[in-house]
């Protein structure tokens, strides 16, 4: 029987959890909310890359992604960064929605599930 492995656990949440051959990442957010949408998306994707590496995975193994944007008007700019980051032929199932994020300066949050 597989056990649950928690990556960077905290009092409220773990940055990621691994069970069996799947890795579940919490919503990744930018550290510097003074950046524009391009900079914030790049930061969130860098956090995803780092966590996937800690769990023994990488972006080519992402199965699904959910992207929350504060302003759906940032959709094209977010997609430009996303498209440069994903590997051609290795794109995951994905949904993008507009949402009121917890910090008014935060423009994006991204959550993924990946295979290991």
N, C-alpha and C. Protein backbone atom coordinates (compact mmCIF):
# COMPACT_ATOMS: atom_id res chain seq x y z
N UNK A 1 0.84 -1.18 0.00
CA UNK A 1 0.00 0.00 0.00
C UNK A 1 0.88 1.24 0.00
N UNK A 2 0.54 2.20 -0.83
CA UNK A 2 1.30 3.44 -0.94
C UNK A 2 1.01 4.35 0.24
N UNK A 3 2.03 5.08 0.64
CA UNK A 3 1.82 6.07 1.69
C UNK A 3 1.83 7.46 1.05
N UNK A 4 1.28 8.41 1.76
CA UNK A 4 1.25 9.78 1.30
C UNK A 4 2.55 10.47 1.72
N UNK A 5 3.19 11.12 0.77
CA UNK A 5 4.40 11.89 1.04
C UNK A 5 4.03 13.36 0.86
N UNK A 6 4.34 14.16 1.86
CA UNK A 6 4.04 15.59 1.80
C UNK A 6 5.32 16.38 1.56
N UNK A 7 5.25 17.29 0.61
CA UNK A 7 6.41 18.12 0.28
C UNK A 7 6.18 19.52 0.83
N UNK A 8 7.14 19.99 1.62
CA UNK A 8 7.08 21.31 2.25
C UNK A 8 5.75 21.50 3.00
N UNK A 9 5.48 20.61 3.98
CA UNK A 9 4.23 20.76 4.74
C UNK A 9 4.29 21.95 5.68
N UNK A 10 3.16 22.57 5.86
CA UNK A 10 3.03 23.69 6.78
C UNK A 10 1.83 23.46 7.67
N UNK A 11 1.50 24.41 8.52
CA UNK A 11 0.38 24.23 9.44
C UNK A 11 -0.98 24.19 8.75
N UNK A 12 -1.09 24.83 7.58
CA UNK A 12 -2.38 24.88 6.89
C UNK A 12 -2.43 23.97 5.67
N UNK A 13 -1.30 23.84 4.97
CA UNK A 13 -1.28 23.05 3.74
C UNK A 13 0.14 22.61 3.43
N UNK A 14 0.24 21.62 2.58
CA UNK A 14 1.52 21.20 2.03
C UNK A 14 1.63 21.80 0.64
N UNK A 15 2.83 22.15 0.24
CA UNK A 15 3.01 22.68 -1.11
C UNK A 15 2.64 21.62 -2.16
N UNK A 16 2.88 20.35 -1.83
CA UNK A 16 2.51 19.26 -2.72
C UNK A 16 2.35 17.99 -1.91
N UNK A 17 1.56 17.07 -2.45
CA UNK A 17 1.39 15.74 -1.86
C UNK A 17 1.59 14.72 -2.96
N UNK A 18 2.24 13.62 -2.60
CA UNK A 18 2.47 12.54 -3.56
C UNK A 18 1.79 11.29 -3.02
N UNK A 19 1.04 10.63 -3.89
CA UNK A 19 0.41 9.36 -3.54
C UNK A 19 0.49 8.46 -4.76
N UNK A 20 1.11 7.31 -4.59
CA UNK A 20 1.27 6.41 -5.72
C UNK A 20 2.11 7.08 -6.80
N UNK A 21 1.58 7.09 -8.00
CA UNK A 21 2.31 7.68 -9.12
C UNK A 21 1.79 9.05 -9.51
N UNK A 22 1.14 9.73 -8.55
CA UNK A 22 0.57 11.06 -8.81
C UNK A 22 1.10 12.08 -7.81
N UNK A 23 1.24 13.29 -8.31
CA UNK A 23 1.69 14.41 -7.48
C UNK A 23 0.66 15.52 -7.62
N UNK A 24 0.21 16.03 -6.49
CA UNK A 24 -0.83 17.06 -6.43
C UNK A 24 -0.21 18.32 -5.85
N UNK A 25 -0.13 19.37 -6.63
CA UNK A 25 0.44 20.63 -6.17
C UNK A 25 -0.66 21.57 -5.69
N UNK A 26 -0.36 22.29 -4.63
CA UNK A 26 -1.25 23.37 -4.19
C UNK A 26 -1.20 24.47 -5.24
N UNK A 27 -2.09 25.42 -5.12
CA UNK A 27 -2.06 26.55 -6.05
C UNK A 27 -0.77 27.32 -5.88
N UNK A 28 -0.03 27.48 -6.97
CA UNK A 28 1.23 28.23 -6.94
C UNK A 28 0.95 29.67 -7.31
N UNK A 29 1.52 30.55 -6.51
CA UNK A 29 1.29 31.98 -6.67
C UNK A 29 2.63 32.71 -6.80
N UNK A 30 2.60 33.92 -7.33
CA UNK A 30 3.85 34.68 -7.44
C UNK A 30 4.29 35.22 -6.08
N UNK A 31 5.58 35.31 -5.90
CA UNK A 31 6.12 35.90 -4.68
C UNK A 31 6.07 37.43 -4.75
N UNK A 32 6.31 37.96 -5.95
CA UNK A 32 6.36 39.41 -6.14
C UNK A 32 5.10 39.87 -6.86
N UNK A 33 4.13 40.34 -6.09
CA UNK A 33 2.86 40.75 -6.69
C UNK A 33 2.91 42.15 -7.30
N UNK A 34 4.08 42.79 -7.28
CA UNK A 34 4.21 44.08 -7.95
C UNK A 34 4.44 43.91 -9.45
N UNK A 35 4.73 42.68 -9.87
CA UNK A 35 4.98 42.41 -11.29
C UNK A 35 3.69 42.40 -12.08
N UNK A 36 3.82 42.57 -13.40
CA UNK A 36 2.66 42.47 -14.28
C UNK A 36 2.29 40.99 -14.46
N UNK A 37 1.26 40.73 -15.24
CA UNK A 37 0.79 39.35 -15.41
C UNK A 37 1.90 38.44 -15.95
N UNK A 38 2.70 38.93 -16.88
CA UNK A 38 3.78 38.12 -17.44
C UNK A 38 4.76 37.69 -16.35
N UNK A 39 5.20 38.62 -15.55
CA UNK A 39 6.14 38.30 -14.47
C UNK A 39 5.53 37.39 -13.43
N UNK A 40 4.27 37.61 -13.08
CA UNK A 40 3.62 36.77 -12.08
C UNK A 40 3.43 35.34 -12.58
N UNK A 41 3.06 35.18 -13.84
CA UNK A 41 2.90 33.83 -14.39
C UNK A 41 4.26 33.12 -14.43
N UNK A 42 5.29 33.83 -14.85
CA UNK A 42 6.63 33.22 -14.87
C UNK A 42 7.04 32.74 -13.49
N UNK A 43 6.75 33.54 -12.46
CA UNK A 43 7.11 33.13 -11.09
C UNK A 43 6.33 31.89 -10.67
N UNK A 44 5.03 31.86 -10.94
CA UNK A 44 4.21 30.70 -10.56
C UNK A 44 4.70 29.45 -11.27
N UNK A 45 5.03 29.57 -12.55
CA UNK A 45 5.51 28.41 -13.31
C UNK A 45 6.87 27.94 -12.80
N UNK A 46 7.73 28.86 -12.38
CA UNK A 46 9.02 28.48 -11.80
C UNK A 46 8.81 27.71 -10.50
N UNK A 47 7.83 28.12 -9.69
CA UNK A 47 7.50 27.39 -8.46
C UNK A 47 7.01 25.97 -8.80
N UNK A 48 6.20 25.86 -9.84
CA UNK A 48 5.73 24.55 -10.27
C UNK A 48 6.90 23.68 -10.68
N UNK A 49 7.81 24.21 -11.49
CA UNK A 49 9.00 23.45 -11.91
C UNK A 49 9.78 22.94 -10.70
N UNK A 50 10.00 23.82 -9.71
CA UNK A 50 10.79 23.45 -8.53
C UNK A 50 10.09 22.36 -7.72
N UNK A 51 8.78 22.48 -7.52
CA UNK A 51 8.06 21.46 -6.75
C UNK A 51 8.00 20.13 -7.48
N UNK A 52 7.77 20.18 -8.78
CA UNK A 52 7.74 18.93 -9.55
C UNK A 52 9.08 18.21 -9.42
N UNK A 53 10.18 18.96 -9.48
CA UNK A 53 11.50 18.36 -9.33
C UNK A 53 11.66 17.70 -7.96
N UNK A 54 11.19 18.38 -6.91
CA UNK A 54 11.27 17.81 -5.56
C UNK A 54 10.52 16.48 -5.47
N UNK A 55 9.44 16.35 -6.22
CA UNK A 55 8.62 15.15 -6.19
C UNK A 55 9.02 14.10 -7.21
N UNK A 56 10.06 14.37 -7.99
CA UNK A 56 10.52 13.40 -8.98
C UNK A 56 9.75 13.45 -10.29
N UNK A 57 9.21 14.61 -10.62
CA UNK A 57 8.46 14.76 -11.85
C UNK A 57 8.97 15.99 -12.61
N UNK A 58 8.30 16.33 -13.70
CA UNK A 58 8.62 17.53 -14.45
C UNK A 58 7.40 17.94 -15.27
N UNK A 59 7.49 19.10 -15.92
CA UNK A 59 6.33 19.66 -16.62
C UNK A 59 5.82 18.80 -17.77
N UNK A 60 6.63 17.90 -18.29
CA UNK A 60 6.16 17.02 -19.36
C UNK A 60 5.20 15.96 -18.84
N UNK A 61 5.11 15.82 -17.52
CA UNK A 61 4.24 14.81 -16.91
C UNK A 61 3.00 15.41 -16.25
N UNK A 62 2.77 16.71 -16.48
CA UNK A 62 1.57 17.34 -15.92
C UNK A 62 0.35 16.78 -16.63
N UNK A 63 -0.60 16.30 -15.84
CA UNK A 63 -1.83 15.71 -16.37
C UNK A 63 -2.93 16.75 -16.53
N UNK A 64 -3.03 17.63 -15.54
CA UNK A 64 -4.07 18.65 -15.59
C UNK A 64 -3.60 19.91 -14.88
N UNK A 65 -4.17 21.04 -15.30
CA UNK A 65 -3.85 22.33 -14.69
C UNK A 65 -5.13 23.16 -14.60
N UNK A 66 -5.23 23.89 -13.50
CA UNK A 66 -6.30 24.87 -13.34
C UNK A 66 -5.62 26.21 -13.09
N UNK A 67 -6.01 27.20 -13.87
CA UNK A 67 -5.43 28.54 -13.77
C UNK A 67 -6.53 29.51 -13.39
N UNK A 68 -6.29 30.25 -12.32
CA UNK A 68 -7.21 31.30 -11.89
C UNK A 68 -6.57 32.64 -12.21
N UNK A 69 -7.30 33.49 -12.91
CA UNK A 69 -6.85 34.84 -13.23
C UNK A 69 -7.75 35.85 -12.52
N UNK A 70 -7.14 36.86 -11.92
CA UNK A 70 -7.94 37.94 -11.32
C UNK A 70 -8.74 38.65 -12.40
N UNK A 71 -8.13 38.83 -13.57
CA UNK A 71 -8.77 39.55 -14.67
C UNK A 71 -8.65 38.69 -15.93
N UNK A 72 -9.77 38.21 -16.44
CA UNK A 72 -9.75 37.36 -17.63
C UNK A 72 -9.20 38.12 -18.83
N UNK A 73 -9.13 39.44 -18.74
CA UNK A 73 -8.48 40.24 -19.77
C UNK A 73 -6.99 39.94 -19.90
N UNK A 74 -6.40 39.28 -18.89
CA UNK A 74 -4.98 38.87 -18.92
C UNK A 74 -4.79 37.51 -19.60
N UNK A 75 -5.87 36.94 -20.13
CA UNK A 75 -5.82 35.60 -20.71
C UNK A 75 -4.76 35.47 -21.81
N UNK A 76 -4.71 36.38 -22.75
CA UNK A 76 -3.76 36.30 -23.85
C UNK A 76 -2.31 36.43 -23.35
N UNK A 77 -2.06 37.36 -22.44
CA UNK A 77 -0.71 37.53 -21.90
C UNK A 77 -0.29 36.30 -21.10
N UNK A 78 -1.21 35.73 -20.31
CA UNK A 78 -0.90 34.51 -19.57
C UNK A 78 -0.59 33.38 -20.53
N UNK A 79 -1.40 33.24 -21.59
CA UNK A 79 -1.18 32.17 -22.56
C UNK A 79 0.16 32.31 -23.27
N UNK A 80 0.62 33.52 -23.51
CA UNK A 80 1.92 33.71 -24.16
C UNK A 80 3.04 33.12 -23.30
N UNK A 81 2.97 33.35 -21.99
CA UNK A 81 3.98 32.79 -21.08
C UNK A 81 3.80 31.28 -20.99
N UNK A 82 2.58 30.83 -20.82
CA UNK A 82 2.28 29.38 -20.72
C UNK A 82 2.78 28.65 -21.96
N UNK A 83 2.45 29.19 -23.15
CA UNK A 83 2.83 28.52 -24.41
C UNK A 83 4.34 28.41 -24.57
N UNK A 84 5.09 29.38 -24.07
CA UNK A 84 6.54 29.32 -24.13
C UNK A 84 7.11 28.32 -23.12
N UNK A 85 6.34 28.04 -22.07
CA UNK A 85 6.81 27.16 -20.99
C UNK A 85 6.51 25.69 -21.25
N UNK A 86 5.32 25.37 -21.74
CA UNK A 86 4.96 23.97 -21.95
C UNK A 86 5.76 23.37 -23.09
N UNK A 87 5.88 22.06 -23.05
CA UNK A 87 6.59 21.34 -24.11
C UNK A 87 5.60 20.97 -25.21
N UNK A 88 5.90 21.29 -26.46
CA UNK A 88 5.01 20.90 -27.55
C UNK A 88 4.73 19.39 -27.52
N UNK A 89 3.48 19.04 -27.67
CA UNK A 89 3.09 17.64 -27.63
C UNK A 89 2.92 17.07 -26.24
N UNK A 90 3.23 17.86 -25.20
CA UNK A 90 3.14 17.40 -23.81
C UNK A 90 2.20 18.29 -23.00
N UNK A 91 1.27 18.95 -23.65
CA UNK A 91 0.38 19.88 -22.95
C UNK A 91 -0.69 19.12 -22.17
N UNK A 92 -0.99 19.60 -20.96
CA UNK A 92 -1.99 18.92 -20.12
C UNK A 92 -3.41 19.36 -20.43
N UNK A 93 -4.36 18.64 -19.88
CA UNK A 93 -5.74 19.14 -19.83
C UNK A 93 -5.69 20.40 -18.98
N UNK A 94 -6.50 21.42 -19.35
CA UNK A 94 -6.38 22.69 -18.63
C UNK A 94 -7.69 23.45 -18.64
N UNK A 95 -7.93 24.18 -17.55
CA UNK A 95 -9.05 25.11 -17.46
C UNK A 95 -8.51 26.43 -16.93
N UNK A 96 -9.08 27.52 -17.42
CA UNK A 96 -8.72 28.86 -16.94
C UNK A 96 -10.00 29.61 -16.63
N UNK A 97 -10.05 30.19 -15.44
CA UNK A 97 -11.24 30.93 -15.03
C UNK A 97 -10.83 32.23 -14.35
N UNK A 98 -11.75 33.17 -14.32
CA UNK A 98 -11.55 34.41 -13.58
C UNK A 98 -12.01 34.19 -12.15
N UNK A 99 -11.24 34.71 -11.19
CA UNK A 99 -11.58 34.52 -9.78
C UNK A 99 -11.07 35.70 -8.96
N UNK A 100 -11.74 35.98 -7.86
CA UNK A 100 -11.25 36.97 -6.90
C UNK A 100 -10.23 36.26 -6.02
N UNK A 101 -8.96 36.54 -6.25
CA UNK A 101 -7.90 35.90 -5.49
C UNK A 101 -7.75 36.60 -4.14
N UNK A 102 -7.10 35.92 -3.18
CA UNK A 102 -7.07 36.43 -1.82
C UNK A 102 -6.26 37.71 -1.62
N UNK A 103 -5.32 38.00 -2.51
CA UNK A 103 -4.53 39.22 -2.44
C UNK A 103 -4.90 40.07 -3.66
N UNK A 104 -5.38 41.29 -3.47
CA UNK A 104 -5.83 42.09 -4.62
C UNK A 104 -4.73 42.40 -5.64
N UNK A 105 -3.45 42.27 -5.24
CA UNK A 105 -2.35 42.51 -6.17
C UNK A 105 -1.95 41.24 -6.93
N UNK A 106 -2.43 40.09 -6.48
CA UNK A 106 -2.10 38.83 -7.14
C UNK A 106 -2.96 38.67 -8.38
N UNK A 107 -2.32 38.35 -9.50
CA UNK A 107 -3.02 38.26 -10.77
C UNK A 107 -3.26 36.82 -11.23
N UNK A 108 -2.57 35.83 -10.62
CA UNK A 108 -2.68 34.46 -11.09
C UNK A 108 -2.39 33.45 -9.97
N UNK A 109 -3.04 32.31 -10.08
CA UNK A 109 -2.74 31.15 -9.24
C UNK A 109 -2.90 29.93 -10.13
N UNK A 110 -1.97 28.98 -10.02
CA UNK A 110 -1.97 27.80 -10.90
C UNK A 110 -1.82 26.54 -10.04
N UNK A 111 -2.69 25.57 -10.26
CA UNK A 111 -2.64 24.29 -9.56
C UNK A 111 -2.54 23.17 -10.58
N UNK A 112 -1.64 22.21 -10.34
CA UNK A 112 -1.48 21.11 -11.28
C UNK A 112 -1.47 19.76 -10.58
N UNK A 113 -1.79 18.74 -11.35
CA UNK A 113 -1.64 17.34 -10.97
C UNK A 113 -0.71 16.73 -12.00
N UNK A 114 0.28 15.99 -11.53
CA UNK A 114 1.26 15.41 -12.45
C UNK A 114 1.52 13.94 -12.13
N UNK A 115 1.93 13.20 -13.13
CA UNK A 115 2.40 11.84 -12.95
C UNK A 115 3.86 11.91 -12.50
N UNK A 116 4.32 10.83 -11.90
CA UNK A 116 5.73 10.75 -11.48
C UNK A 116 6.43 9.76 -12.38
